[in-house]
């Protein structure tokens, strides 16, 4: 079952199905994807690590219901999973305690770059969060990741410079989308 959908995409929970685990490994074992993420344990080096990654995501979002998550992006017409969209409270400088700031993010397989999937999924995720009453949604991007910065701009996000408020104080290009009327 999907969390939400767009015209072309279904955003749903990742599952322990072998096809999903294979796709998680295929995406998160690629240096061209993981070099921008700065997450421990990446890139994945063995297929069995995909199940561990899925367990980490499930644990991170266990108390959030379907409001926040790290979700699969599936093309409605083909069933192909093209990547991940996430919506979650940003971790603070200590990386353990979540802040009140909400992040939208995306990680796509290189075979799915250039089709607008990241923009479409992230736009729907951010709009859903703003409709729930959140006043601002952030995207934080590693310096040099021009493709993700372009997605943030296509989302109508405003670049507010580099900030060090989250992810252990890492300096990240920060974009914000503000609710209408603010």
N, C-alpha and C. Protein backbone atom coordinates (compact mmCIF):
# COMPACT_ATOMS: atom_id res chain seq x y z
N UNK A 1 0.83 -1.18 0.00
CA UNK A 1 0.00 0.00 0.00
C UNK A 1 0.87 1.25 0.00
N UNK A 2 0.44 2.26 -0.70
CA UNK A 2 1.20 3.48 -0.81
C UNK A 2 0.96 4.44 0.34
N UNK A 3 1.96 5.24 0.59
CA UNK A 3 1.87 6.32 1.57
C UNK A 3 1.18 7.52 0.92
N UNK A 4 1.60 7.83 -0.32
CA UNK A 4 0.95 8.84 -1.15
C UNK A 4 1.33 8.57 -2.60
N UNK A 5 0.65 9.25 -3.50
CA UNK A 5 0.91 9.04 -4.92
C UNK A 5 0.88 10.37 -5.65
N UNK A 6 1.52 10.37 -6.81
CA UNK A 6 1.48 11.50 -7.72
C UNK A 6 0.95 10.97 -9.05
N UNK A 7 0.96 11.79 -10.05
CA UNK A 7 0.46 11.35 -11.35
C UNK A 7 1.24 10.14 -11.87
N UNK A 8 2.56 10.13 -11.69
CA UNK A 8 3.38 9.04 -12.24
C UNK A 8 3.91 8.08 -11.20
N UNK A 9 3.86 8.43 -9.92
CA UNK A 9 4.58 7.70 -8.90
C UNK A 9 3.69 7.24 -7.75
N UNK A 10 4.10 6.13 -7.15
CA UNK A 10 3.54 5.69 -5.88
C UNK A 10 4.70 5.70 -4.89
N UNK A 11 4.50 6.38 -3.77
CA UNK A 11 5.50 6.40 -2.70
C UNK A 11 4.99 5.46 -1.63
N UNK A 12 5.81 4.46 -1.31
CA UNK A 12 5.38 3.39 -0.41
C UNK A 12 6.52 2.99 0.51
N UNK A 13 6.17 2.21 1.52
CA UNK A 13 7.21 1.67 2.39
C UNK A 13 8.10 0.71 1.62
N UNK A 14 9.39 0.76 1.92
CA UNK A 14 10.28 -0.30 1.47
C UNK A 14 9.88 -1.57 2.21
N UNK A 15 10.04 -2.72 1.57
CA UNK A 15 9.69 -3.99 2.19
C UNK A 15 10.91 -4.90 2.24
N UNK A 16 10.74 -6.02 2.92
CA UNK A 16 11.79 -7.04 2.98
C UNK A 16 11.70 -8.01 1.81
N UNK A 17 10.87 -7.72 0.85
CA UNK A 17 10.78 -8.53 -0.37
C UNK A 17 12.16 -8.52 -1.06
N UNK A 18 12.59 -9.65 -1.60
CA UNK A 18 13.91 -9.70 -2.24
C UNK A 18 14.11 -8.63 -3.33
N UNK A 19 13.07 -8.31 -4.09
CA UNK A 19 13.22 -7.28 -5.13
C UNK A 19 13.55 -5.92 -4.50
N UNK A 20 12.88 -5.57 -3.40
CA UNK A 20 13.17 -4.31 -2.72
C UNK A 20 14.57 -4.33 -2.12
N UNK A 21 14.92 -5.42 -1.45
CA UNK A 21 16.26 -5.49 -0.85
C UNK A 21 17.35 -5.41 -1.92
N UNK A 22 17.13 -6.05 -3.07
CA UNK A 22 18.10 -5.96 -4.16
C UNK A 22 18.24 -4.53 -4.66
N UNK A 23 17.11 -3.82 -4.74
CA UNK A 23 17.16 -2.44 -5.23
C UNK A 23 17.82 -1.53 -4.20
N UNK A 24 17.54 -1.74 -2.91
CA UNK A 24 18.24 -0.96 -1.87
C UNK A 24 19.74 -1.15 -2.02
N UNK A 25 20.17 -2.40 -2.16
CA UNK A 25 21.60 -2.65 -2.32
C UNK A 25 22.12 -1.98 -3.59
N UNK A 26 21.40 -2.11 -4.68
CA UNK A 26 21.85 -1.53 -5.95
C UNK A 26 22.00 -0.02 -5.86
N UNK A 27 21.10 0.64 -5.17
CA UNK A 27 21.18 2.10 -5.03
C UNK A 27 22.30 2.50 -4.07
N UNK A 28 22.28 1.91 -2.88
CA UNK A 28 23.16 2.38 -1.80
C UNK A 28 24.54 1.72 -1.80
N UNK A 29 24.85 0.94 -2.81
CA UNK A 29 26.22 0.44 -2.99
C UNK A 29 26.98 1.28 -4.02
N UNK A 30 26.32 2.23 -4.62
CA UNK A 30 26.91 3.03 -5.69
C UNK A 30 27.59 4.29 -5.16
N UNK A 31 28.89 4.42 -5.38
CA UNK A 31 29.60 5.61 -4.92
C UNK A 31 29.03 6.91 -5.48
N UNK A 32 28.50 6.88 -6.70
CA UNK A 32 27.94 8.12 -7.29
C UNK A 32 26.69 8.58 -6.54
N UNK A 33 26.05 7.69 -5.79
CA UNK A 33 24.90 8.05 -4.96
C UNK A 33 25.38 8.37 -3.54
N UNK A 34 26.14 7.46 -2.95
CA UNK A 34 26.47 7.56 -1.53
C UNK A 34 27.51 8.63 -1.21
N UNK A 35 28.26 9.07 -2.18
CA UNK A 35 29.29 10.08 -1.89
C UNK A 35 28.70 11.37 -1.34
N UNK A 36 27.44 11.62 -1.61
CA UNK A 36 26.78 12.84 -1.15
C UNK A 36 26.06 12.66 0.19
N UNK A 37 25.97 11.44 0.69
CA UNK A 37 25.10 11.19 1.83
C UNK A 37 25.78 11.30 3.19
N UNK A 38 27.05 10.99 3.27
CA UNK A 38 27.76 11.11 4.53
C UNK A 38 27.22 10.22 5.64
N UNK A 39 26.51 9.17 5.28
CA UNK A 39 25.91 8.29 6.30
C UNK A 39 26.87 7.16 6.63
N UNK A 40 26.95 6.79 7.91
CA UNK A 40 27.80 5.66 8.27
C UNK A 40 27.33 4.38 7.59
N UNK A 41 28.28 3.54 7.22
CA UNK A 41 27.96 2.26 6.61
C UNK A 41 27.71 2.32 5.11
N UNK A 42 27.87 3.47 4.51
CA UNK A 42 27.68 3.61 3.07
C UNK A 42 29.01 3.91 2.39
N UNK A 43 29.23 3.39 1.22
CA UNK A 43 28.34 2.56 0.44
C UNK A 43 28.24 1.14 1.00
N UNK A 44 27.09 0.51 0.74
CA UNK A 44 26.93 -0.89 1.11
C UNK A 44 27.92 -1.72 0.30
N UNK A 45 28.44 -2.77 0.92
CA UNK A 45 29.44 -3.60 0.25
C UNK A 45 29.00 -5.05 0.08
N UNK A 46 27.89 -5.44 0.70
CA UNK A 46 27.39 -6.80 0.58
C UNK A 46 25.86 -6.75 0.54
N UNK A 47 25.24 -7.56 -0.32
CA UNK A 47 23.78 -7.53 -0.44
C UNK A 47 23.03 -7.70 0.88
N UNK A 48 23.57 -8.47 1.82
CA UNK A 48 22.90 -8.68 3.11
C UNK A 48 22.75 -7.38 3.90
N UNK A 49 23.57 -6.39 3.60
CA UNK A 49 23.49 -5.10 4.31
C UNK A 49 22.22 -4.34 3.98
N UNK A 50 21.56 -4.68 2.88
CA UNK A 50 20.30 -4.00 2.53
C UNK A 50 19.25 -4.22 3.60
N UNK A 51 19.18 -5.43 4.14
CA UNK A 51 18.21 -5.72 5.21
C UNK A 51 18.53 -4.91 6.46
N UNK A 52 19.81 -4.71 6.74
CA UNK A 52 20.20 -3.89 7.89
C UNK A 52 19.79 -2.44 7.67
N UNK A 53 19.97 -1.94 6.46
CA UNK A 53 19.59 -0.56 6.13
C UNK A 53 18.09 -0.40 6.30
N UNK A 54 17.32 -1.36 5.81
CA UNK A 54 15.86 -1.32 5.96
C UNK A 54 15.47 -1.33 7.43
N UNK A 55 16.12 -2.16 8.24
CA UNK A 55 15.83 -2.21 9.67
C UNK A 55 16.13 -0.87 10.34
N UNK A 56 17.21 -0.22 9.94
CA UNK A 56 17.56 1.10 10.47
C UNK A 56 16.47 2.11 10.15
N UNK A 57 16.00 2.11 8.92
CA UNK A 57 14.94 3.04 8.53
C UNK A 57 13.67 2.76 9.33
N UNK A 58 13.32 1.50 9.46
CA UNK A 58 12.10 1.16 10.21
C UNK A 58 12.20 1.59 11.67
N UNK A 59 13.35 1.37 12.26
CA UNK A 59 13.56 1.77 13.66
C UNK A 59 13.49 3.29 13.80
N UNK A 60 14.12 4.00 12.87
CA UNK A 60 14.13 5.47 12.92
C UNK A 60 12.72 6.03 12.89
N UNK A 61 11.83 5.41 12.14
CA UNK A 61 10.49 5.96 11.94
C UNK A 61 9.40 5.21 12.69
N UNK A 62 9.78 4.32 13.59
CA UNK A 62 8.81 3.46 14.28
C UNK A 62 7.73 4.26 15.01
N UNK A 63 8.07 5.41 15.55
CA UNK A 63 7.11 6.19 16.33
C UNK A 63 6.38 7.24 15.50
N UNK A 64 6.60 7.27 14.19
CA UNK A 64 6.06 8.33 13.36
C UNK A 64 4.80 7.97 12.60
N UNK A 65 4.36 6.72 12.67
CA UNK A 65 3.24 6.31 11.82
C UNK A 65 3.65 6.48 10.37
N UNK A 66 2.74 6.97 9.55
CA UNK A 66 3.08 7.23 8.15
C UNK A 66 3.42 8.69 7.88
N UNK A 67 3.50 9.50 8.94
CA UNK A 67 3.79 10.92 8.71
C UNK A 67 5.21 11.11 8.19
N UNK A 68 6.17 10.41 8.79
CA UNK A 68 7.56 10.50 8.36
C UNK A 68 8.06 9.13 7.97
N UNK A 69 9.03 9.12 7.09
CA UNK A 69 9.57 7.84 6.68
C UNK A 69 10.68 7.98 5.65
N UNK A 70 11.27 6.85 5.34
CA UNK A 70 12.22 6.70 4.26
C UNK A 70 11.55 5.70 3.33
N UNK A 71 11.02 6.20 2.21
CA UNK A 71 10.09 5.44 1.39
C UNK A 71 10.64 5.15 -0.01
N UNK A 72 10.15 4.06 -0.58
CA UNK A 72 10.46 3.71 -1.97
C UNK A 72 9.62 4.57 -2.91
N UNK A 73 10.24 4.98 -4.01
CA UNK A 73 9.54 5.68 -5.09
C UNK A 73 9.37 4.68 -6.22
N UNK A 74 8.14 4.36 -6.53
CA UNK A 74 7.83 3.38 -7.57
C UNK A 74 7.09 4.05 -8.73
N UNK A 75 7.53 3.76 -9.94
CA UNK A 75 6.84 4.29 -11.12
C UNK A 75 5.54 3.52 -11.29
N UNK A 76 4.46 4.25 -11.31
CA UNK A 76 3.12 3.66 -11.35
C UNK A 76 2.93 2.72 -12.55
N UNK A 77 3.38 3.12 -13.73
CA UNK A 77 3.12 2.35 -14.94
C UNK A 77 3.97 1.09 -15.07
N UNK A 78 5.16 1.09 -14.46
CA UNK A 78 6.08 -0.03 -14.67
C UNK A 78 6.35 -0.85 -13.42
N UNK A 79 6.08 -0.28 -12.24
CA UNK A 79 6.41 -0.94 -10.98
C UNK A 79 7.88 -0.87 -10.62
N UNK A 80 8.69 -0.18 -11.43
CA UNK A 80 10.11 -0.06 -11.15
C UNK A 80 10.33 0.91 -10.00
N UNK A 81 11.11 0.48 -9.02
CA UNK A 81 11.50 1.37 -7.92
C UNK A 81 12.71 2.18 -8.38
N UNK A 82 12.54 3.50 -8.39
CA UNK A 82 13.59 4.38 -8.92
C UNK A 82 14.48 4.96 -7.83
N UNK A 83 14.03 4.88 -6.59
CA UNK A 83 14.84 5.44 -5.51
C UNK A 83 14.05 5.62 -4.24
N UNK A 84 14.53 6.56 -3.44
CA UNK A 84 14.01 6.83 -2.11
C UNK A 84 13.64 8.30 -1.99
N UNK A 85 12.53 8.58 -1.32
CA UNK A 85 12.23 9.92 -0.84
C UNK A 85 12.06 9.80 0.66
N UNK A 86 12.55 10.80 1.38
CA UNK A 86 12.42 10.76 2.84
C UNK A 86 11.83 12.06 3.34
N UNK A 87 11.13 11.94 4.43
CA UNK A 87 10.58 13.08 5.14
C UNK A 87 10.75 12.75 6.61
N UNK A 88 11.50 13.61 7.34
CA UNK A 88 11.80 13.26 8.72
C UNK A 88 12.30 14.48 9.48
N UNK A 89 12.21 14.42 10.82
CA UNK A 89 12.84 15.46 11.62
C UNK A 89 14.36 15.40 11.43
N UNK A 90 14.96 16.55 11.20
CA UNK A 90 16.41 16.61 11.06
C UNK A 90 17.08 16.29 12.39
N UNK A 91 18.14 15.48 12.36
CA UNK A 91 18.89 15.23 13.59
C UNK A 91 19.74 16.45 13.94
N UNK A 92 19.83 16.76 15.23
CA UNK A 92 20.59 17.92 15.67
C UNK A 92 22.09 17.72 15.58
N UNK A 93 22.80 18.64 16.18
CA UNK A 93 24.26 18.58 16.14
C UNK A 93 24.81 17.34 16.81
N UNK A 94 24.07 16.78 17.78
CA UNK A 94 24.55 15.57 18.45
C UNK A 94 24.18 14.32 17.64
N UNK A 95 23.40 14.48 16.59
CA UNK A 95 22.96 13.43 15.68
C UNK A 95 22.01 12.42 16.29
N UNK A 96 21.73 12.49 17.58
CA UNK A 96 20.83 11.53 18.21
C UNK A 96 19.45 12.10 18.47
N UNK A 97 19.38 13.35 18.85
CA UNK A 97 18.11 13.96 19.20
C UNK A 97 17.55 14.70 17.99
N UNK A 98 16.34 14.32 17.54
CA UNK A 98 15.76 15.02 16.40
C UNK A 98 15.35 16.44 16.79
N UNK A 99 15.46 17.33 15.83
CA UNK A 99 15.03 18.71 16.02
C UNK A 99 13.57 18.83 15.59
N UNK A 100 13.03 20.02 15.69
CA UNK A 100 11.69 20.31 15.18
C UNK A 100 11.70 20.68 13.71
N UNK A 101 12.88 20.70 13.09
CA UNK A 101 13.01 21.04 11.68
C UNK A 101 12.80 19.78 10.85
N UNK A 102 11.99 19.89 9.80
CA UNK A 102 11.63 18.74 8.98
C UNK A 102 12.40 18.79 7.66
N UNK A 103 12.95 17.63 7.31
CA UNK A 103 13.74 17.49 6.08
C UNK A 103 13.00 16.68 5.05
N UNK A 104 13.09 17.12 3.80
CA UNK A 104 12.71 16.30 2.66
C UNK A 104 14.00 15.99 1.90
N UNK A 105 14.13 14.74 1.47
CA UNK A 105 15.34 14.34 0.75
C UNK A 105 15.02 13.27 -0.27
N UNK A 106 15.99 12.99 -1.13
CA UNK A 106 15.80 12.04 -2.21
C UNK A 106 17.13 11.41 -2.57
N UNK A 107 17.07 10.12 -2.92
CA UNK A 107 18.24 9.38 -3.39
C UNK A 107 17.73 8.49 -4.52
N UNK A 108 18.17 8.74 -5.72
CA UNK A 108 17.69 7.96 -6.86
C UNK A 108 18.81 7.13 -7.48
N UNK A 109 18.42 6.00 -8.03
CA UNK A 109 19.35 5.16 -8.78
C UNK A 109 19.77 5.94 -10.03
N UNK A 110 21.04 5.86 -10.42
CA UNK A 110 21.47 6.58 -11.62
C UNK A 110 20.67 6.24 -12.88
N UNK A 111 20.11 5.04 -12.98
CA UNK A 111 19.32 4.71 -14.16
C UNK A 111 17.99 5.47 -14.19
N UNK A 112 17.70 6.20 -13.12
CA UNK A 112 16.45 6.94 -13.02
C UNK A 112 16.66 8.45 -12.92
N UNK A 113 17.89 8.89 -13.05
CA UNK A 113 18.17 10.32 -13.04
C UNK A 113 17.64 10.96 -14.33
N UNK A 114 17.25 12.21 -14.21
CA UNK A 114 16.88 12.98 -15.38
C UNK A 114 15.45 12.81 -15.85
N UNK A 115 14.61 12.16 -15.08
CA UNK A 115 13.21 11.96 -15.47
C UNK A 115 12.24 12.78 -14.62
N UNK A 116 12.75 13.56 -13.68
CA UNK A 116 11.89 14.37 -12.83
C UNK A 116 11.28 13.63 -11.66
N UNK A 117 11.71 12.39 -11.42
CA UNK A 117 11.13 11.61 -10.33
C UNK A 117 11.44 12.20 -8.96
N UNK A 118 12.66 12.65 -8.74
CA UNK A 118 13.02 13.22 -7.44
C UNK A 118 12.17 14.45 -7.16
N UNK A 119 12.06 15.32 -8.15
CA UNK A 119 11.27 16.54 -7.97
C UNK A 119 9.81 16.20 -7.69
N UNK A 120 9.26 15.27 -8.45
CA UNK A 120 7.84 14.93 -8.29
C UNK A 120 7.55 14.32 -6.92
N UNK A 121 8.40 13.38 -6.50
CA UNK A 121 8.18 12.74 -5.20
C UNK A 121 8.42 13.71 -4.05
N UNK A 122 9.48 14.49 -4.13
CA UNK A 122 9.79 15.43 -3.06
C UNK A 122 8.75 16.55 -2.97
N UNK A 123 8.27 17.00 -4.12
CA UNK A 123 7.22 18.05 -4.11
C UNK A 123 5.99 17.53 -3.37
N UNK A 124 5.58 16.31 -3.65
CA UNK A 124 4.40 15.74 -2.99
C UNK A 124 4.65 15.54 -1.50
N UNK A 125 5.84 15.07 -1.13
CA UNK A 125 6.15 14.86 0.29
C UNK A 125 6.15 16.18 1.04
N UNK A 126 6.77 17.20 0.47
CA UNK A 126 6.83 18.51 1.14
C UNK A 126 5.43 19.12 1.24
N UNK A 127 4.65 19.04 0.18
CA UNK A 127 3.29 19.59 0.20
C UNK A 127 2.44 18.90 1.25
N UNK A 128 2.59 17.60 1.37
CA UNK A 128 1.86 16.82 2.37
C UNK A 128 2.22 17.30 3.78
N UNK A 129 3.50 17.56 4.02
CA UNK A 129 3.94 18.01 5.34
C UNK A 129 3.46 19.43 5.63
N UNK A 130 3.53 20.30 4.65
CA UNK A 130 3.04 21.67 4.86
C UNK A 130 1.54 21.67 5.11
N UNK A 131 0.81 20.80 4.42
CA UNK A 131 -0.64 20.69 4.63
C UNK A 131 -0.97 20.18 6.03
N UNK A 132 -0.03 19.46 6.64
CA UNK A 132 -0.23 18.95 8.01
C UNK A 132 0.04 20.02 9.06
N UNK A 133 0.47 21.20 8.63
CA UNK A 133 0.67 22.31 9.56
C UNK A 133 2.10 22.72 9.83
N UNK A 134 3.05 21.99 9.30
CA UNK A 134 4.45 22.40 9.44
C UNK A 134 4.66 23.69 8.65
N UNK A 135 5.39 24.63 9.22
CA UNK A 135 5.56 25.94 8.58
C UNK A 135 6.71 25.96 7.58
N UNK A 136 7.73 25.12 7.78
CA UNK A 136 8.89 25.11 6.89
C UNK A 136 9.37 23.67 6.70
N UNK A 137 9.79 23.37 5.49
CA UNK A 137 10.42 22.09 5.18
C UNK A 137 11.78 22.40 4.58
N UNK A 138 12.80 21.69 5.05
CA UNK A 138 14.18 21.93 4.62
C UNK A 138 14.68 20.82 3.72
N UNK A 139 15.59 21.18 2.84
CA UNK A 139 16.44 20.21 2.13
C UNK A 139 17.87 20.61 2.45
N UNK A 140 18.67 19.65 2.86
CA UNK A 140 20.08 19.91 3.16
C UNK A 140 20.91 19.08 2.18
N UNK A 141 21.87 19.75 1.56
CA UNK A 141 22.59 19.16 0.44
C UNK A 141 24.08 19.32 0.67
N UNK A 142 24.82 18.26 0.41
CA UNK A 142 26.28 18.33 0.51
C UNK A 142 26.80 19.34 -0.51
N UNK A 143 27.73 20.21 -0.08
CA UNK A 143 28.32 21.15 -1.02
C UNK A 143 28.89 20.40 -2.23
N UNK A 144 28.62 20.91 -3.40
CA UNK A 144 29.09 20.29 -4.63
C UNK A 144 28.06 19.41 -5.31
N UNK A 145 26.99 19.04 -4.60
CA UNK A 145 25.95 18.20 -5.19
C UNK A 145 24.98 19.08 -5.98
N UNK A 146 25.44 19.49 -7.15
CA UNK A 146 24.67 20.44 -7.96
C UNK A 146 23.34 19.86 -8.43
N UNK A 147 23.28 18.55 -8.65
CA UNK A 147 22.02 17.94 -9.10
C UNK A 147 20.94 18.06 -8.03
N UNK A 148 21.29 17.77 -6.77
CA UNK A 148 20.30 17.89 -5.70
C UNK A 148 19.95 19.35 -5.42
N UNK A 149 20.92 20.24 -5.57
CA UNK A 149 20.60 21.67 -5.40
C UNK A 149 19.62 22.11 -6.48
N UNK A 150 19.76 21.59 -7.69
CA UNK A 150 18.83 21.92 -8.77
C UNK A 150 17.43 21.40 -8.46
N UNK A 151 17.33 20.21 -7.89
CA UNK A 151 16.02 19.68 -7.49
C UNK A 151 15.39 20.60 -6.46
N UNK A 152 16.15 21.01 -5.45
CA UNK A 152 15.61 21.91 -4.42
C UNK A 152 15.09 23.19 -5.05
N UNK A 153 15.81 23.73 -6.00
CA UNK A 153 15.36 24.96 -6.66
C UNK A 153 14.09 24.71 -7.48
N UNK A 154 14.02 23.55 -8.16
CA UNK A 154 12.80 23.23 -8.92
C UNK A 154 11.59 23.08 -8.01
N UNK A 155 11.84 22.71 -6.76
CA UNK A 155 10.76 22.60 -5.78
C UNK A 155 10.27 23.96 -5.29
N UNK A 156 10.97 25.02 -5.71
CA UNK A 156 10.61 26.36 -5.26
C UNK A 156 11.22 26.70 -3.92
N UNK A 157 12.21 25.92 -3.49
CA UNK A 157 12.86 26.17 -2.21
C UNK A 157 13.84 27.35 -2.35
N UNK A 158 13.99 28.08 -1.28
CA UNK A 158 14.90 29.21 -1.23
C UNK A 158 16.22 28.77 -0.61
N UNK A 159 17.32 29.08 -1.28
CA UNK A 159 18.65 28.77 -0.74
C UNK A 159 18.96 29.78 0.35
N UNK A 160 19.28 29.29 1.54
CA UNK A 160 19.58 30.19 2.67
C UNK A 160 21.04 30.08 3.09
N UNK A 161 21.88 29.50 2.23
CA UNK A 161 23.30 29.40 2.51
C UNK A 161 23.65 28.10 3.20
N UNK A 162 24.88 28.05 3.68
CA UNK A 162 25.33 26.86 4.41
C UNK A 162 25.00 27.02 5.88
N UNK A 163 24.51 25.93 6.46
CA UNK A 163 24.19 25.91 7.88
C UNK A 163 24.82 24.68 8.52
N UNK A 164 25.03 24.77 9.82
CA UNK A 164 25.66 23.67 10.58
C UNK A 164 24.77 23.22 11.74
N UNK A 165 23.48 23.43 11.63
CA UNK A 165 22.53 23.15 12.72
C UNK A 165 22.26 21.65 12.92
N UNK A 166 22.53 20.84 11.90
CA UNK A 166 22.08 19.45 11.91
C UNK A 166 23.23 18.52 11.56
N UNK A 167 22.94 17.22 11.64
CA UNK A 167 23.89 16.19 11.23
C UNK A 167 25.28 16.41 11.81
N UNK A 168 25.33 16.58 13.11
CA UNK A 168 26.62 16.67 13.79
C UNK A 168 27.39 17.94 13.50
N UNK A 169 26.73 18.96 12.99
CA UNK A 169 27.40 20.22 12.70
C UNK A 169 28.04 20.28 11.32
N UNK A 170 27.73 19.29 10.48
CA UNK A 170 28.26 19.29 9.11
C UNK A 170 27.75 20.53 8.38
N UNK A 171 28.61 21.15 7.60
CA UNK A 171 28.24 22.33 6.82
C UNK A 171 27.51 21.88 5.56
N UNK A 172 26.23 22.22 5.49
CA UNK A 172 25.38 21.76 4.39
C UNK A 172 24.68 22.93 3.72
N UNK A 173 24.60 22.86 2.40
CA UNK A 173 23.80 23.84 1.67
C UNK A 173 22.35 23.62 2.09
N UNK A 174 21.69 24.70 2.49
CA UNK A 174 20.36 24.58 3.08
C UNK A 174 19.34 25.34 2.24
N UNK A 175 18.24 24.65 1.98
CA UNK A 175 17.13 25.20 1.22
C UNK A 175 15.89 25.08 2.09
N UNK A 176 14.97 26.04 1.95
CA UNK A 176 13.74 26.01 2.75
C UNK A 176 12.54 26.30 1.87
N UNK A 177 11.47 25.58 2.15
CA UNK A 177 10.17 25.82 1.54
C UNK A 177 9.25 26.23 2.67
N UNK A 178 8.64 27.39 2.53
CA UNK A 178 7.80 27.95 3.59
C UNK A 178 6.34 27.83 3.19
N UNK A 179 5.50 27.54 4.17
CA UNK A 179 4.07 27.44 3.91
C UNK A 179 3.54 28.76 3.35
N UNK A 180 2.56 28.65 2.48
CA UNK A 180 1.94 29.85 1.89
C UNK A 180 1.41 30.73 3.00
N UNK A 181 1.61 32.00 2.84
CA UNK A 181 1.13 32.96 3.82
C UNK A 181 2.15 33.30 4.89
N UNK A 182 3.28 32.58 4.91
CA UNK A 182 4.33 32.88 5.91
C UNK A 182 5.40 33.77 5.30
